[in-house]
Amino acid sequence: MNDKPLKIDMHLHSSGISICSRVSYKRLIDEKLAQGYDGGVLTNHCDRGYYEPPLHPDFARRFVDEYENAKAYADD
């Protein structure tokens, strides 16, 4: 059994969703791996200011797609 503690960044935003980020999920994952991280938690914003209320379903789909794409990239 490996007793080495995991190094995980618990608060990450990607530019595909969160306007506060300038980093794509691909670059974010690549940089965290290069820095020796074992994992990370994508905590993109889902705020009313990001979309008009009638567009919520579209934004929600983009939000989930960003997560799924990032996960698939990280898994590879």
PDB file of N, CA and C in Angstrom:
ATOM      1  N   MET A   1       0.837  -1.186   0.000  1.00  0.00           N
ATOM      2  CA  MET A   1       0.000   0.000   0.000  1.00  0.00           C
ATOM      3  C   MET A   1       0.883   1.251   0.000  1.00  0.00           C
ATOM      4  N   ASN A   2       0.472   2.231  -0.754  1.00  0.00           N
ATOM      5  CA  ASN A   2       1.217   3.483  -0.842  1.00  0.00           C
ATOM      6  C   ASN A   2       0.730   4.438   0.250  1.00  0.00           C
ATOM      7  N   ASP A   3       1.637   4.889   1.099  1.00  0.00           N
ATOM      8  CA  ASP A   3       1.279   5.800   2.189  1.00  0.00           C
ATOM      9  C   ASP A   3       1.450   7.264   1.813  1.00  0.00           C
ATOM     10  N   LYS A   4       1.825   7.528   0.571  1.00  0.00           N
ATOM     11  CA  LYS A   4       2.002   8.912   0.125  1.00  0.00           C
ATOM     12  C   LYS A   4       0.645   9.612   0.063  1.00  0.00           C
ATOM     13  N   PRO A   5       0.517  10.772   0.714  1.00  0.00           N
ATOM     14  CA  PRO A   5      -0.760  11.492   0.625  1.00  0.00           C
ATOM     15  C   PRO A   5      -1.007  12.017  -0.790  1.00  0.00           C
ATOM     16  N   LEU A   6      -2.265  12.083  -1.149  1.00  0.00           N
ATOM     17  CA  LEU A   6      -2.627  12.620  -2.457  1.00  0.00           C
ATOM     18  C   LEU A   6      -2.526  14.140  -2.445  1.00  0.00           C
ATOM     19  N   LYS A   7      -2.076  14.681  -3.554  1.00  0.00           N
ATOM     20  CA  LYS A   7      -2.023  16.133  -3.726  1.00  0.00           C
ATOM     21  C   LYS A   7      -3.160  16.509  -4.677  1.00  0.00           C
ATOM     22  N   ILE A   8      -4.188  17.168  -4.135  1.00  0.00           N
ATOM     23  CA  ILE A   8      -5.378  17.491  -4.913  1.00  0.00           C
ATOM     24  C   ILE A   8      -5.691  18.974  -4.766  1.00  0.00           C
ATOM     25  N   ASP A   9      -5.886  19.645  -5.894  1.00  0.00           N
ATOM     26  CA  ASP A   9      -6.318  21.045  -5.875  1.00  0.00           C
ATOM     27  C   ASP A   9      -7.835  21.024  -5.793  1.00  0.00           C
ATOM     28  N   MET A  10      -8.368  21.588  -4.726  1.00  0.00           N
ATOM     29  CA  MET A  10      -9.800  21.483  -4.445  1.00  0.00           C
ATOM     30  C   MET A  10     -10.644  22.611  -5.043  1.00  0.00           C
ATOM     31  N   HIS A  11     -10.029  23.516  -5.816  1.00  0.00           N
ATOM     32  CA  HIS A  11     -10.819  24.645  -6.331  1.00  0.00           C
ATOM     33  C   HIS A  11     -10.234  25.127  -7.656  1.00  0.00           C
ATOM     34  N   LEU A  12     -10.782  24.635  -8.758  1.00  0.00           N
ATOM     35  CA  LEU A  12     -10.295  24.983 -10.091  1.00  0.00           C
ATOM     36  C   LEU A  12     -11.425  25.522 -10.961  1.00  0.00           C
ATOM     37  N   HIS A  13     -11.124  26.546 -11.758  1.00  0.00           N
ATOM     38  CA  HIS A  13     -12.093  27.090 -12.719  1.00  0.00           C
ATOM     39  C   HIS A  13     -11.481  27.008 -14.109  1.00  0.00           C
ATOM     40  N   SER A  14     -12.297  26.672 -15.087  1.00  0.00           N
ATOM     41  CA  SER A  14     -11.833  26.635 -16.475  1.00  0.00           C
ATOM     42  C   SER A  14     -12.528  27.733 -17.277  1.00  0.00           C
ATOM     43  N   SER A  15     -11.839  28.211 -18.288  1.00  0.00           N
ATOM     44  CA  SER A  15     -12.327  29.359 -19.063  1.00  0.00           C
ATOM     45  C   SER A  15     -13.539  29.045 -19.930  1.00  0.00           C
ATOM     46  N   GLY A  16     -13.834  27.784 -20.151  1.00  0.00           N
ATOM     47  CA  GLY A  16     -15.001  27.436 -20.953  1.00  0.00           C
ATOM     48  C   GLY A  16     -16.310  27.816 -20.291  1.00  0.00           C
ATOM     49  N   ILE A  17     -16.297  27.998 -18.973  1.00  0.00           N
ATOM     50  CA  ILE A  17     -17.501  28.346 -18.225  1.00  0.00           C
ATOM     51  C   ILE A  17     -17.277  29.579 -17.348  1.00  0.00           C
ATOM     52  N   SER A  18     -16.272  29.540 -16.512  1.00  0.00           N
ATOM     53  CA  SER A  18     -16.060  30.611 -15.537  1.00  0.00           C
ATOM     54  C   SER A  18     -15.296  31.779 -16.154  1.00  0.00           C
ATOM     55  N   ILE A  19     -15.930  32.944 -16.171  1.00  0.00           N
ATOM     56  CA  ILE A  19     -15.295  34.110 -16.803  1.00  0.00           C
ATOM     57  C   ILE A  19     -14.101  34.624 -15.999  1.00  0.00           C
ATOM     58  N   CYS A  20     -13.934  34.145 -14.769  1.00  0.00           N
ATOM     59  CA  CYS A  20     -12.786  34.555 -13.964  1.00  0.00           C
ATOM     60  C   CYS A  20     -11.518  33.797 -14.366  1.00  0.00           C
ATOM     61  N   SER A  21     -11.648  32.779 -15.202  1.00  0.00           N
ATOM     62  CA  SER A  21     -10.502  31.964 -15.602  1.00  0.00           C
ATOM     63  C   SER A  21     -10.092  32.279 -17.037  1.00  0.00           C
ATOM     64  N   ARG A  22      -8.805  32.221 -17.268  1.00  0.00           N
ATOM     65  CA  ARG A  22      -8.270  32.397 -18.625  1.00  0.00           C
ATOM     66  C   ARG A  22      -7.595  31.120 -19.125  1.00  0.00           C
ATOM     67  N   VAL A  23      -7.861  30.014 -18.431  1.00  0.00           N
ATOM     68  CA  VAL A  23      -7.167  28.760 -18.708  1.00  0.00           C
ATOM     69  C   VAL A  23      -8.188  27.696 -19.126  1.00  0.00           C
ATOM     70  N   SER A  24      -7.943  27.055 -20.269  1.00  0.00           N
ATOM     71  CA  SER A  24      -8.819  25.973 -20.719  1.00  0.00           C
ATOM     72  C   SER A  24      -8.659  24.766 -19.790  1.00  0.00           C
ATOM     73  N   TYR A  25      -9.652  23.889 -19.795  1.00  0.00           N
ATOM     74  CA  TYR A  25      -9.537  22.701 -18.945  1.00  0.00           C
ATOM     75  C   TYR A  25      -8.346  21.847 -19.354  1.00  0.00           C
ATOM     76  N   LYS A  26      -8.006  21.809 -20.629  1.00  0.00           N
ATOM     77  CA  LYS A  26      -6.852  21.017 -21.068  1.00  0.00           C
ATOM     78  C   LYS A  26      -5.550  21.567 -20.481  1.00  0.00           C
ATOM     79  N   ARG A  27      -5.377  22.870 -20.589  1.00  0.00           N
ATOM     80  CA  ARG A  27      -4.157  23.488 -20.043  1.00  0.00           C
ATOM     81  C   ARG A  27      -4.124  23.365 -18.520  1.00  0.00           C
ATOM     82  N   LEU A  28      -5.271  23.539 -17.891  1.00  0.00           N
ATOM     83  CA  LEU A  28      -5.369  23.419 -16.439  1.00  0.00           C
ATOM     84  C   LEU A  28      -4.926  22.025 -15.987  1.00  0.00           C
ATOM     85  N   ILE A  29      -5.445  21.000 -16.632  1.00  0.00           N
ATOM     86  CA  ILE A  29      -5.090  19.627 -16.285  1.00  0.00           C
ATOM     87  C   ILE A  29      -3.614  19.365 -16.560  1.00  0.00           C
ATOM     88  N   ASP A  30      -3.125  19.784 -17.717  1.00  0.00           N
ATOM     89  CA  ASP A  30      -1.714  19.579 -18.050  1.00  0.00           C
ATOM     90  C   ASP A  30      -0.797  20.253 -17.034  1.00  0.00           C
ATOM     91  N   GLU A  31      -1.128  21.490 -16.642  1.00  0.00           N
ATOM     92  CA  GLU A  31      -0.286  22.217 -15.688  1.00  0.00           C
ATOM     93  C   GLU A  31      -0.328  21.575 -14.302  1.00  0.00           C
ATOM     94  N   LYS A  32      -1.493  21.144 -13.868  1.00  0.00           N
ATOM     95  CA  LYS A  32      -1.591  20.510 -12.549  1.00  0.00           C
ATOM     96  C   LYS A  32      -0.815  19.196 -12.533  1.00  0.00           C
ATOM     97  N   LEU A  33      -0.883  18.420 -13.598  1.00  0.00           N
ATOM     98  CA  LEU A  33      -0.101  17.187 -13.667  1.00  0.00           C
ATOM     99  C   LEU A  33       1.402  17.500 -13.636  1.00  0.00           C
ATOM    100  N   ALA A  34       1.804  18.521 -14.367  1.00  0.00           N
ATOM    101  CA  ALA A  34       3.219  18.916 -14.391  1.00  0.00           C
ATOM    102  C   ALA A  34       3.698  19.379 -13.014  1.00  0.00           C
ATOM    103  N   GLN A  35       2.785  19.923 -12.219  1.00  0.00           N
ATOM    104  CA  GLN A  35       3.111  20.383 -10.872  1.00  0.00           C
ATOM    105  C   GLN A  35       3.038  19.267  -9.830  1.00  0.00           C
ATOM    106  N   GLY A  36       2.733  18.048 -10.276  1.00  0.00           N
ATOM    107  CA  GLY A  36       2.726  16.902  -9.379  1.00  0.00           C
ATOM    108  C   GLY A  36       1.410  16.628  -8.669  1.00  0.00           C
ATOM    109  N   TYR A  37       0.333  17.234  -9.138  1.00  0.00           N
ATOM    110  CA  TYR A  37      -0.965  16.981  -8.521  1.00  0.00           C
ATOM    111  C   TYR A  37      -1.508  15.626  -8.956  1.00  0.00           C
ATOM    112  N   ASP A  38      -2.222  14.977  -8.054  1.00  0.00           N
ATOM    113  CA  ASP A  38      -2.874  13.702  -8.340  1.00  0.00           C
ATOM    114  C   ASP A  38      -4.302  13.887  -8.828  1.00  0.00           C
ATOM    115  N   GLY A  39      -4.864  15.058  -8.597  1.00  0.00           N
ATOM    116  CA  GLY A  39      -6.237  15.316  -9.005  1.00  0.00           C
ATOM    117  C   GLY A  39      -6.636  16.742  -8.734  1.00  0.00           C
ATOM    118  N   GLY A  40      -7.859  17.049  -9.125  1.00  0.00           N
ATOM    119  CA  GLY A  40      -8.385  18.383  -8.907  1.00  0.00           C
ATOM    120  C   GLY A  40      -9.897  18.370  -8.954  1.00  0.00           C
ATOM    121  N   VAL A  41     -10.492  19.404  -8.418  1.00  0.00           N
ATOM    122  CA  VAL A  41     -11.940  19.539  -8.387  1.00  0.00           C
ATOM    123  C   VAL A  41     -12.324  20.755  -9.220  1.00  0.00           C
ATOM    124  N   LEU A  42     -13.066  20.514 -10.291  1.00  0.00           N
ATOM    125  CA  LEU A  42     -13.512  21.596 -11.160  1.00  0.00           C
ATOM    126  C   LEU A  42     -14.732  22.253 -10.515  1.00  0.00           C
ATOM    127  N   THR A  43     -14.574  23.513 -10.122  1.00  0.00           N
ATOM    128  CA  THR A  43     -15.614  24.223  -9.366  1.00  0.00           C
ATOM    129  C   THR A  43     -16.079  25.454 -10.136  1.00  0.00           C
ATOM    130  N   ASN A  44     -16.405  25.265 -11.403  1.00  0.00           N
ATOM    131  CA  ASN A  44     -16.846  26.387 -12.232  1.00  0.00           C
ATOM    132  C   ASN A  44     -18.096  27.044 -11.653  1.00  0.00           C
ATOM    133  N   HIS A  45     -18.229  28.324 -11.961  1.00  0.00           N
ATOM    134  CA  HIS A  45     -19.373  29.093 -11.480  1.00  0.00           C
ATOM    135  C   HIS A  45     -20.634  28.767 -12.276  1.00  0.00           C
ATOM    136  N   CYS A  46     -21.751  28.768 -11.579  1.00  0.00           N
ATOM    137  CA  CYS A  46     -23.064  28.675 -12.221  1.00  0.00           C
ATOM    138  C   CYS A  46     -23.886  29.789 -11.596  1.00  0.00           C
ATOM    139  N   ASP A  47     -23.772  30.961 -12.167  1.00  0.00           N
ATOM    140  CA  ASP A  47     -24.329  32.172 -11.578  1.00  0.00           C
ATOM    141  C   ASP A  47     -25.323  32.808 -12.538  1.00  0.00           C
ATOM    142  N   ARG A  48     -26.346  33.441 -12.008  1.00  0.00           N
ATOM    143  CA  ARG A  48     -27.357  34.094 -12.854  1.00  0.00           C
ATOM    144  C   ARG A  48     -26.759  35.106 -13.809  1.00  0.00           C
ATOM    145  N   GLY A  49     -25.657  35.710 -13.441  1.00  0.00           N
ATOM    146  CA  GLY A  49     -25.021  36.691 -14.307  1.00  0.00           C
ATOM    147  C   GLY A  49     -24.368  36.102 -15.541  1.00  0.00           C
ATOM    148  N   TYR A  50     -24.278  34.803 -15.612  1.00  0.00           N
ATOM    149  CA  TYR A  50     -23.635  34.137 -16.740  1.00  0.00           C
ATOM    150  C   TYR A  50     -24.596  33.872 -17.898  1.00  0.00           C
ATOM    151  N   TYR A  51     -25.896  33.994 -17.673  1.00  0.00           N
ATOM    152  CA  TYR A  51     -26.866  33.685 -18.714  1.00  0.00           C
ATOM    153  C   TYR A  51     -28.183  34.393 -18.421  1.00  0.00           C
ATOM    154  N   GLU A  52     -28.974  34.576 -19.433  1.00  0.00           N
ATOM    155  CA  GLU A  52     -30.326  35.099 -19.265  1.00  0.00           C
ATOM    156  C   GLU A  52     -31.222  33.932 -18.828  1.00  0.00           C
ATOM    157  N   PRO A  53     -32.194  34.164 -17.940  1.00  0.00           N
ATOM    158  CA  PRO A  53     -33.020  33.055 -17.424  1.00  0.00           C
ATOM    159  C   PRO A  53     -33.586  32.111 -18.487  1.00  0.00           C
ATOM    160  N   PRO A  54     -34.057  32.590 -19.640  1.00  0.00           N
ATOM    161  CA  PRO A  54     -34.580  31.616 -20.617  1.00  0.00           C
ATOM    162  C   PRO A  54     -33.488  30.685 -21.172  1.00  0.00           C
ATOM    163  N   LEU A  55     -32.227  31.077 -21.005  1.00  0.00           N
ATOM    164  CA  LEU A  55     -31.131  30.277 -21.551  1.00  0.00           C
ATOM    165  C   LEU A  55     -30.544  29.311 -20.528  1.00  0.00           C
ATOM    166  N   HIS A  56     -31.161  29.200 -19.354  1.00  0.00           N
ATOM    167  CA  HIS A  56     -30.615  28.326 -18.321  1.00  0.00           C
ATOM    168  C   HIS A  56     -30.389  26.890 -18.802  1.00  0.00           C
ATOM    169  N   PRO A  57     -31.326  26.264 -19.513  1.00  0.00           N
ATOM    170  CA  PRO A  57     -31.066  24.894 -19.973  1.00  0.00           C
ATOM    171  C   PRO A  57     -29.825  24.792 -20.863  1.00  0.00           C
ATOM    172  N   ASP A  58     -29.609  25.775 -21.735  1.00  0.00           N
ATOM    173  CA  ASP A  58     -28.421  25.764 -22.597  1.00  0.00           C
ATOM    174  C   ASP A  58     -27.153  25.917 -21.775  1.00  0.00           C
ATOM    175  N   PHE A  59     -27.170  26.839 -20.806  1.00  0.00           N
ATOM    176  CA  PHE A  59     -25.993  27.034 -19.960  1.00  0.00           C
ATOM    177  C   PHE A  59     -25.729  25.780 -19.128  1.00  0.00           C
ATOM    178  N   ALA A  60     -26.771  25.192 -18.593  1.00  0.00           N
ATOM    179  CA  ALA A  60     -26.606  23.976 -17.788  1.00  0.00           C
ATOM    180  C   ALA A  60     -25.973  22.870 -18.622  1.00  0.00           C
ATOM    181  N   ARG A  61     -26.382  22.736 -19.884  1.00  0.00           N
ATOM    182  CA  ARG A  61     -25.792  21.719 -20.763  1.00  0.00           C
ATOM    183  C   ARG A  61     -24.316  22.014 -21.016  1.00  0.00           C
ATOM    184  N   ARG A  62     -23.981  23.288 -21.266  1.00  0.00           N
ATOM    185  CA  ARG A  62     -22.570  23.682 -21.457  1.00  0.00           C
ATOM    186  C   ARG A  62     -21.759  23.396 -20.194  1.00  0.00           C
ATOM    187  N   PHE A  63     -22.338  23.675 -19.041  1.00  0.00           N
ATOM    188  CA  PHE A  63     -21.677  23.456 -17.751  1.00  0.00           C
ATOM    189  C   PHE A  63     -21.323  21.977 -17.584  1.00  0.00           C
ATOM    190  N   VAL A  64     -22.294  21.112 -17.845  1.00  0.00           N
ATOM    191  CA  VAL A  64     -22.079  19.665 -17.721  1.00  0.00           C
ATOM    192  C   VAL A  64     -21.098  19.174 -18.792  1.00  0.00           C
ATOM    193  N   ASP A  65     -21.234  19.672 -20.014  1.00  0.00           N
ATOM    194  CA  ASP A  65     -20.305  19.285 -21.090  1.00  0.00           C
ATOM    195  C   ASP A  65     -18.867  19.638 -20.732  1.00  0.00           C
ATOM    196  N   GLU A  66     -18.655  20.812 -20.154  1.00  0.00           N
ATOM    197  CA  GLU A  66     -17.301  21.228 -19.772  1.00  0.00           C
ATOM    198  C   GLU A  66     -16.714  20.237 -18.772  1.00  0.00           C
ATOM    199  N   TYR A  67     -17.526  19.850 -17.788  1.00  0.00           N
ATOM    200  CA  TYR A  67     -17.070  18.867 -16.801  1.00  0.00           C
ATOM    201  C   TYR A  67     -16.753  17.527 -17.472  1.00  0.00           C
ATOM    202  N   GLU A  68     -17.684  17.043 -18.286  1.00  0.00           N
ATOM    203  CA  GLU A  68     -17.503  15.725 -18.921  1.00  0.00           C
ATOM    204  C   GLU A  68     -16.280  15.711 -19.841  1.00  0.00           C
ATOM    205  N   ASN A  69     -16.090  16.791 -20.597  1.00  0.00           N
ATOM    206  CA  ASN A  69     -14.922  16.885 -21.479  1.00  0.00           C
ATOM    207  C   ASN A  69     -13.627  16.924 -20.672  1.00  0.00           C
ATOM    208  N   ALA A  70     -13.628  17.680 -19.577  1.00  0.00           N
ATOM    209  CA  ALA A  70     -12.441  17.761 -18.727  1.00  0.00           C
ATOM    210  C   ALA A  70     -12.140  16.396 -18.109  1.00  0.00           C
ATOM    211  N   LYS A  71     -13.158  15.707 -17.640  1.00  0.00           N
ATOM    212  CA  LYS A  71     -12.958  14.386 -17.045  1.00  0.00           C
ATOM    213  C   LYS A  71     -12.397  13.404 -18.058  1.00  0.00           C
ATOM    214  N   ALA A  72     -12.972  13.396 -19.268  1.00  0.00           N
ATOM    215  CA  ALA A  72     -12.484  12.495 -20.310  1.00  0.00           C
ATOM    216  C   ALA A  72     -11.020  12.806 -20.647  1.00  0.00           C
ATOM    217  N   TYR A  73     -10.672  14.083 -20.720  1.00  0.00           N
ATOM    218  CA  TYR A  73      -9.289  14.481 -21.016  1.00  0.00           C
ATOM    219  C   TYR A  73      -8.357  14.022 -19.895  1.00  0.00           C
ATOM    220  N   ALA A  74      -8.785  14.225 -18.662  1.00  0.00           N
ATOM    221  CA  ALA A  74      -7.963  13.830 -17.514  1.00  0.00           C
ATOM    222  C   ALA A  74      -7.809  12.315 -17.449  1.00  0.00           C
ATOM    223  N   ASP A  75      -8.875  11.588 -17.760  1.00  0.00           N
ATOM    224  CA  ASP A  75      -8.810  10.128 -17.726  1.00  0.00           C
ATOM    225  C   ASP A  75      -7.826   9.574 -18.740  1.00  0.00           C
ATOM    226  N   ASP A  76      -7.682  10.260 -19.869  1.00  0.00           N
ATOM    227  CA  ASP A  76      -6.734   9.822 -20.898  1.00  0.00           C
ATOM    228  C   ASP A  76      -5.318  10.095 -20.431  1.00  0.00           C
TER     229      ASP A  76
END
